[in-house]
Amino acid sequence: MLKGGDLMAAGAVEANVTTNTGKIGAYFDGVDDKIDLSAIPEIDKDKPFSVALDYYKTNDDPVLIFTSVKGGTNRFAITAQTGIAGGIYNGAAYRAASTTGDPANRKWYNIVYTYNGANTANSDSQLYIDGVLQTGTGTPAPNATAGVRIGMDTGGGKIYKGTIGNMKVWSRLLSPTEAITASTGAPVQGMIHHWKLATDYKDSVGSNDGTNDGTHFAIIDDAIEAAIKADRTTANDTYLLAKGGRGQIVSAVIEENP
């Protein structure tokens, strides 16, 4: 962040740079990109399971992040629509958890969702964002068409623009401690699927390789390690010279309009 208000005089300005490690994943264009997977029997309204992934929130559009639908009475989804929500719909009621507000845009979030298989109440679902248990009860509203998909719902709606990576599935309920561990990217026992979405669409643990339709791999929010120089070149423009996290030198002119 560059400190300083509009219409400042030319000259040196204070530059505070916070390191922000970028992540890699599959980039979805928000038009028609998607990744399809084969059925995952373990994701079921009557079975315990857990899911984790990295999600880059681009904007406030209602989007489908990941869904596994067996039919109208057995649907699972993680969506973002005025908050991030995950849950099961059993044809009559939701078993869901969500954030209590809408997280900021243009930022990576780690999502861990756990389900105990009881299919009796919202409390059967737990949602962790960056390792913090959420207390909302918003619902994800999965589409009814059968299928397993990343990036849009199985009916072709709620199309996502942004990047998703490092998706994992467990065939059991992760404990709160394990969910927090999973949010850091550290290994947790019992994982049955892992799509890194870094160089390919393969399942590195199981055999459920993804079928890509349009996405490509991208690094989002690569680290800026340090500011080298930040000067006002005119009354309204700032010139920034910085070193990236991988040693590259980046320069930019930031124009400020009154």
Protein backbone atom coordinates (compact mmCIF):
# COMPACT_ATOMS: atom_id res chain seq x y z
CA MET A 1 0.00 0.00 0.00
CA LEU A 2 1.28 3.45 -0.86
CA LYS A 3 0.50 6.04 1.77
CA GLY A 4 -0.52 9.49 0.70
CA GLY A 5 -3.61 11.40 -0.39
CA ASP A 6 -4.63 12.78 -3.75
CA LEU A 7 -3.09 15.95 -5.19
CA MET A 8 0.15 15.65 -3.24
CA ALA A 9 3.25 17.41 -4.47
CA ALA A 10 5.91 15.57 -6.42
CA GLY A 11 8.66 13.90 -4.43
CA ALA A 12 9.23 10.84 -2.25
CA VAL A 13 6.24 9.08 -0.69
CA GLU A 14 6.09 6.37 1.92
CA ALA A 15 5.70 2.82 0.57
CA ASN A 16 4.53 -0.01 2.82
CA VAL A 17 4.65 -3.36 1.01
CA THR A 18 3.10 -6.45 2.54
CA THR A 19 4.32 -9.79 1.16
CA ASN A 20 1.42 -11.68 -0.41
CA THR A 21 2.26 -15.16 -1.65
CA GLY A 22 0.58 -15.97 -4.95
CA LYS A 23 -1.12 -19.27 -5.69
CA ILE A 24 -1.55 -21.24 -8.88
CA GLY A 25 -4.76 -22.80 -10.12
CA ALA A 26 -7.11 -23.25 -13.05
CA TYR A 27 -8.37 -19.93 -14.39
CA PHE A 28 -12.05 -19.76 -15.49
CA ASP A 29 -13.03 -17.03 -17.97
CA GLY A 30 -16.57 -16.43 -16.65
CA VAL A 31 -18.11 -17.29 -20.03
CA ASP A 32 -18.08 -21.05 -20.60
CA ASP A 33 -15.03 -22.57 -18.85
CA LYS A 34 -15.56 -25.60 -16.62
CA ILE A 35 -13.93 -28.79 -15.35
CA ASP A 36 -16.03 -31.95 -15.23
CA LEU A 37 -15.30 -34.91 -12.97
CA SER A 38 -16.68 -38.42 -12.73
CA ALA A 39 -19.13 -39.27 -9.96
CA ILE A 40 -17.80 -39.14 -6.39
CA PRO A 41 -19.94 -41.67 -4.46
CA GLU A 42 -18.55 -40.52 -1.12
CA ILE A 43 -20.16 -37.08 -1.50
CA ASP A 44 -23.63 -38.01 -0.35
CA LYS A 45 -26.29 -36.61 1.97
CA ASP A 46 -26.13 -39.77 4.11
CA LYS A 47 -22.33 -40.12 4.33
CA PRO A 48 -19.64 -38.12 6.13
CA PHE A 49 -17.17 -36.34 3.84
CA SER A 50 -14.96 -33.25 3.67
CA VAL A 51 -13.79 -30.96 0.85
CA ALA A 52 -11.00 -28.35 0.71
CA LEU A 53 -9.89 -25.95 -2.02
CA ASP A 54 -8.26 -22.59 -2.73
CA TYR A 55 -10.62 -20.01 -4.24
CA TYR A 56 -9.86 -16.55 -5.62
CA LYS A 57 -12.85 -14.24 -5.15
CA THR A 58 -12.92 -11.96 -8.17
CA ASN A 59 -16.20 -10.08 -7.74
CA ASP A 60 -19.67 -10.26 -6.16
CA ASP A 61 -21.35 -12.22 -8.95
CA PRO A 62 -23.27 -15.35 -7.82
CA VAL A 63 -21.00 -18.25 -8.80
CA LEU A 64 -20.69 -22.01 -8.42
CA ILE A 65 -17.29 -23.09 -7.11
CA PHE A 66 -17.74 -26.87 -6.87
CA THR A 67 -20.78 -29.15 -7.05
CA SER A 68 -21.58 -32.87 -6.90
CA VAL A 69 -25.20 -33.71 -7.73
CA LYS A 70 -26.67 -37.21 -7.66
CA GLY A 71 -30.20 -36.01 -8.36
CA GLY A 72 -32.92 -33.68 -7.15
CA THR A 73 -32.86 -35.08 -3.60
CA ASN A 74 -29.10 -35.46 -3.14
CA ARG A 75 -27.15 -32.33 -4.08
CA PHE A 76 -23.96 -30.77 -2.75
CA ALA A 77 -22.39 -27.44 -3.67
CA ILE A 78 -19.99 -24.72 -2.58
CA THR A 79 -21.05 -21.33 -3.95
CA ALA A 80 -20.33 -17.64 -3.51
CA GLN A 81 -23.34 -15.33 -3.49
CA THR A 82 -23.41 -12.59 -0.85
CA GLY A 83 -21.00 -14.77 1.11
CA ILE A 84 -19.43 -18.20 0.70
CA ALA A 85 -21.70 -21.16 1.47
CA GLY A 86 -21.42 -24.93 1.37
CA GLY A 87 -23.98 -27.61 2.01
CA ILE A 88 -26.24 -30.49 1.09
CA TYR A 89 -29.81 -30.22 -0.20
CA ASN A 90 -31.88 -33.36 0.36
CA GLY A 91 -34.92 -32.40 -1.68
CA ALA A 92 -36.75 -30.82 1.25
CA ALA A 93 -34.18 -28.98 3.40
CA TYR A 94 -30.64 -27.66 3.39
CA ARG A 95 -27.84 -28.78 5.71
CA ALA A 96 -25.59 -25.81 5.13
CA ALA A 97 -23.06 -23.39 6.60
CA SER A 98 -21.80 -20.04 5.34
CA THR A 99 -19.89 -16.89 6.10
CA THR A 100 -21.90 -14.21 7.92
CA GLY A 101 -20.85 -11.53 5.45
CA ASP A 102 -19.41 -11.19 1.97
CA PRO A 103 -15.60 -11.59 1.96
CA ALA A 104 -13.51 -8.99 0.16
CA ASN A 105 -12.89 -9.28 -3.57
CA ARG A 106 -9.55 -9.83 -5.32
CA LYS A 107 -8.25 -12.13 -2.61
CA TRP A 108 -7.45 -15.81 -2.15
CA TYR A 109 -9.46 -17.83 0.37
CA ASN A 110 -8.96 -21.38 1.56
CA ILE A 111 -12.28 -23.17 1.99
CA VAL A 112 -12.72 -26.33 4.07
CA TYR A 113 -16.20 -27.87 4.27
CA THR A 114 -17.04 -30.83 6.53
CA TYR A 115 -20.24 -32.88 6.76
CA ASN A 116 -21.08 -35.53 9.37
CA GLY A 117 -23.61 -37.48 7.29
CA ALA A 118 -26.45 -37.17 9.80
CA ASN A 119 -28.74 -35.19 7.46
CA THR A 120 -30.77 -33.71 10.32
CA ALA A 121 -29.78 -30.04 10.79
CA ASN A 122 -27.63 -27.16 9.53
CA SER A 123 -25.13 -28.01 12.26
CA ASP A 124 -24.26 -31.20 10.32
CA SER A 125 -22.31 -28.89 7.99
CA GLN A 126 -19.25 -26.89 9.03
CA LEU A 127 -17.45 -24.29 6.93
CA TYR A 128 -13.95 -22.96 7.59
CA ILE A 129 -12.50 -19.95 5.75
CA ASP A 130 -8.73 -19.64 6.12
CA GLY A 131 -8.97 -21.96 9.14
CA VAL A 132 -11.72 -19.99 10.92
CA LEU A 133 -15.05 -21.70 11.62
CA GLN A 134 -17.96 -19.73 10.13
CA THR A 135 -21.31 -19.28 11.88
CA GLY A 136 -23.68 -18.34 9.06
CA THR A 137 -26.45 -20.60 7.74
CA GLY A 138 -26.70 -19.34 4.16
CA THR A 139 -27.50 -21.95 1.52
CA PRO A 140 -25.57 -22.78 -1.68
CA ALA A 141 -28.59 -23.68 -3.92
CA PRO A 142 -27.05 -26.41 -6.12
CA ASN A 143 -28.60 -27.15 -9.51
CA ALA A 144 -30.66 -30.38 -9.82
CA THR A 145 -28.95 -31.77 -12.94
CA ALA A 146 -26.74 -34.78 -12.07
CA GLY A 147 -22.98 -34.36 -12.46
CA VAL A 148 -19.76 -33.24 -10.78
CA ARG A 149 -18.29 -29.92 -11.88
CA ILE A 150 -15.92 -27.10 -10.98
CA GLY A 151 -16.59 -23.55 -12.14
CA MET A 152 -20.31 -23.55 -13.00
CA ASP A 153 -23.37 -25.50 -11.92
CA THR A 154 -24.41 -28.72 -13.64
CA GLY A 155 -27.15 -26.89 -15.53
CA GLY A 156 -24.68 -24.35 -16.98
CA GLY A 157 -25.49 -21.47 -14.63
CA LYS A 158 -23.64 -19.50 -11.91
CA ILE A 159 -20.57 -19.28 -14.15
CA TYR A 160 -17.39 -18.43 -12.25
CA LYS A 161 -14.64 -16.02 -13.33
CA GLY A 162 -11.43 -16.47 -11.41
CA THR A 163 -9.04 -19.16 -10.21
CA ILE A 164 -9.55 -22.38 -8.22
CA GLY A 165 -6.75 -24.70 -7.11
CA ASN A 166 -5.61 -27.49 -4.83
CA MET A 167 -8.98 -29.23 -4.39
CA LYS A 168 -9.17 -32.23 -2.06
CA VAL A 169 -11.85 -34.69 -0.92
CA TRP A 170 -11.92 -36.93 2.18
CA SER A 171 -14.39 -39.78 2.71
CA ARG A 172 -14.81 -38.86 6.37
CA LEU A 173 -15.59 -35.97 8.67
CA LEU A 174 -12.49 -33.94 9.48
CA SER A 175 -12.26 -32.87 13.10
CA PRO A 176 -11.97 -29.13 13.83
CA THR A 177 -8.23 -29.55 14.40
CA GLU A 178 -7.86 -31.44 11.12
CA ALA A 179 -9.91 -28.84 9.24
CA ILE A 180 -7.61 -26.09 10.47
CA THR A 181 -4.58 -28.19 9.47
CA ALA A 182 -6.08 -28.79 6.02
CA SER A 183 -6.57 -25.03 5.58
CA THR A 184 -2.79 -24.58 5.74
CA GLY A 185 -2.23 -27.08 2.93
CA ALA A 186 -0.63 -29.61 5.27
CA PRO A 187 -1.54 -33.29 4.67
CA VAL A 188 -4.47 -34.80 6.57
CA GLN A 189 -5.03 -38.55 6.66
CA GLY A 190 -7.77 -40.20 4.62
CA MET A 191 -7.76 -38.04 1.49
CA ILE A 192 -9.29 -39.92 -1.48
CA HIS A 193 -8.96 -37.29 -4.23
CA HIS A 194 -6.56 -34.41 -4.91
CA TRP A 195 -6.66 -32.15 -7.96
CA LYS A 196 -3.71 -29.77 -7.67
CA LEU A 197 -4.78 -27.85 -10.80
CA ALA A 198 -1.25 -26.55 -11.17
CA THR A 199 0.10 -28.25 -14.31
CA ASP A 200 -2.65 -30.73 -15.21
CA TYR A 201 -6.17 -31.89 -14.29
CA LYS A 202 -5.19 -35.27 -12.89
CA ASP A 203 -6.32 -36.72 -9.58
CA SER A 204 -2.98 -37.33 -7.84
CA VAL A 205 -4.49 -39.61 -5.16
CA GLY A 206 -7.39 -41.38 -6.87
CA SER A 207 -8.28 -42.07 -10.50
CA ASN A 208 -10.92 -39.34 -11.10
CA ASP A 209 -9.05 -37.17 -13.60
CA GLY A 210 -10.77 -33.97 -14.62
CA THR A 211 -12.00 -33.15 -18.13
CA ASN A 212 -11.04 -29.56 -18.89
CA ASP A 213 -13.21 -27.33 -21.03
CA GLY A 214 -11.50 -23.99 -21.58
CA THR A 215 -9.54 -23.28 -18.37
CA HIS A 216 -5.81 -22.61 -18.25
CA PHE A 217 -3.30 -22.39 -15.42
CA ALA A 218 -2.45 -19.03 -13.87
CA ILE A 219 -0.56 -17.58 -10.92
CA ILE A 220 -2.65 -14.96 -9.17
CA ASP A 221 -1.32 -12.33 -6.74
CA ASP A 222 2.35 -13.19 -6.94
CA ALA A 223 4.38 -11.86 -4.03
CA ILE A 224 5.81 -8.38 -3.88
CA GLU A 225 8.75 -8.78 -1.57
CA ALA A 226 9.93 -5.21 -1.12
CA ALA A 227 9.54 -1.69 -2.42
CA ILE A 228 12.76 -0.36 -3.88
CA LYS A 229 11.57 3.14 -4.74
CA ALA A 230 8.32 5.08 -4.70
CA ASP A 231 8.28 8.65 -5.94
CA ARG A 232 5.72 11.22 -7.01
CA THR A 233 6.62 11.93 -10.63
CA THR A 234 3.93 14.58 -10.92
CA ALA A 235 1.39 16.01 -8.50
CA ASN A 236 -0.98 13.12 -9.17
CA ASP A 237 1.11 10.17 -10.34
CA THR A 238 3.29 7.77 -8.37
CA TYR A 239 6.16 5.74 -9.82
CA LEU A 240 6.72 2.44 -8.01
CA LEU A 241 9.75 0.19 -8.40
CA ALA A 242 9.48 -3.10 -6.51
CA LYS A 243 11.08 -6.53 -6.29
CA GLY A 244 8.78 -9.51 -6.73
CA GLY A 245 8.83 -12.64 -4.58
CA ARG A 246 10.77 -14.56 -7.24
CA GLY A 247 13.36 -11.84 -7.70
CA GLN A 248 11.86 -10.07 -10.70
CA ILE A 249 11.84 -6.27 -10.83
CA VAL A 250 8.45 -4.68 -11.44
CA SER A 251 7.78 -1.04 -12.24
CA ALA A 252 4.45 0.77 -12.55
CA VAL A 253 3.00 4.22 -12.77
CA ILE A 254 -0.10 4.68 -10.60
CA GLU A 255 -2.29 7.46 -11.89
CA GLU A 256 -4.42 9.32 -9.37
CA ASN A 257 -7.38 11.35 -10.53
CA PRO A 258 -8.77 14.17 -8.37
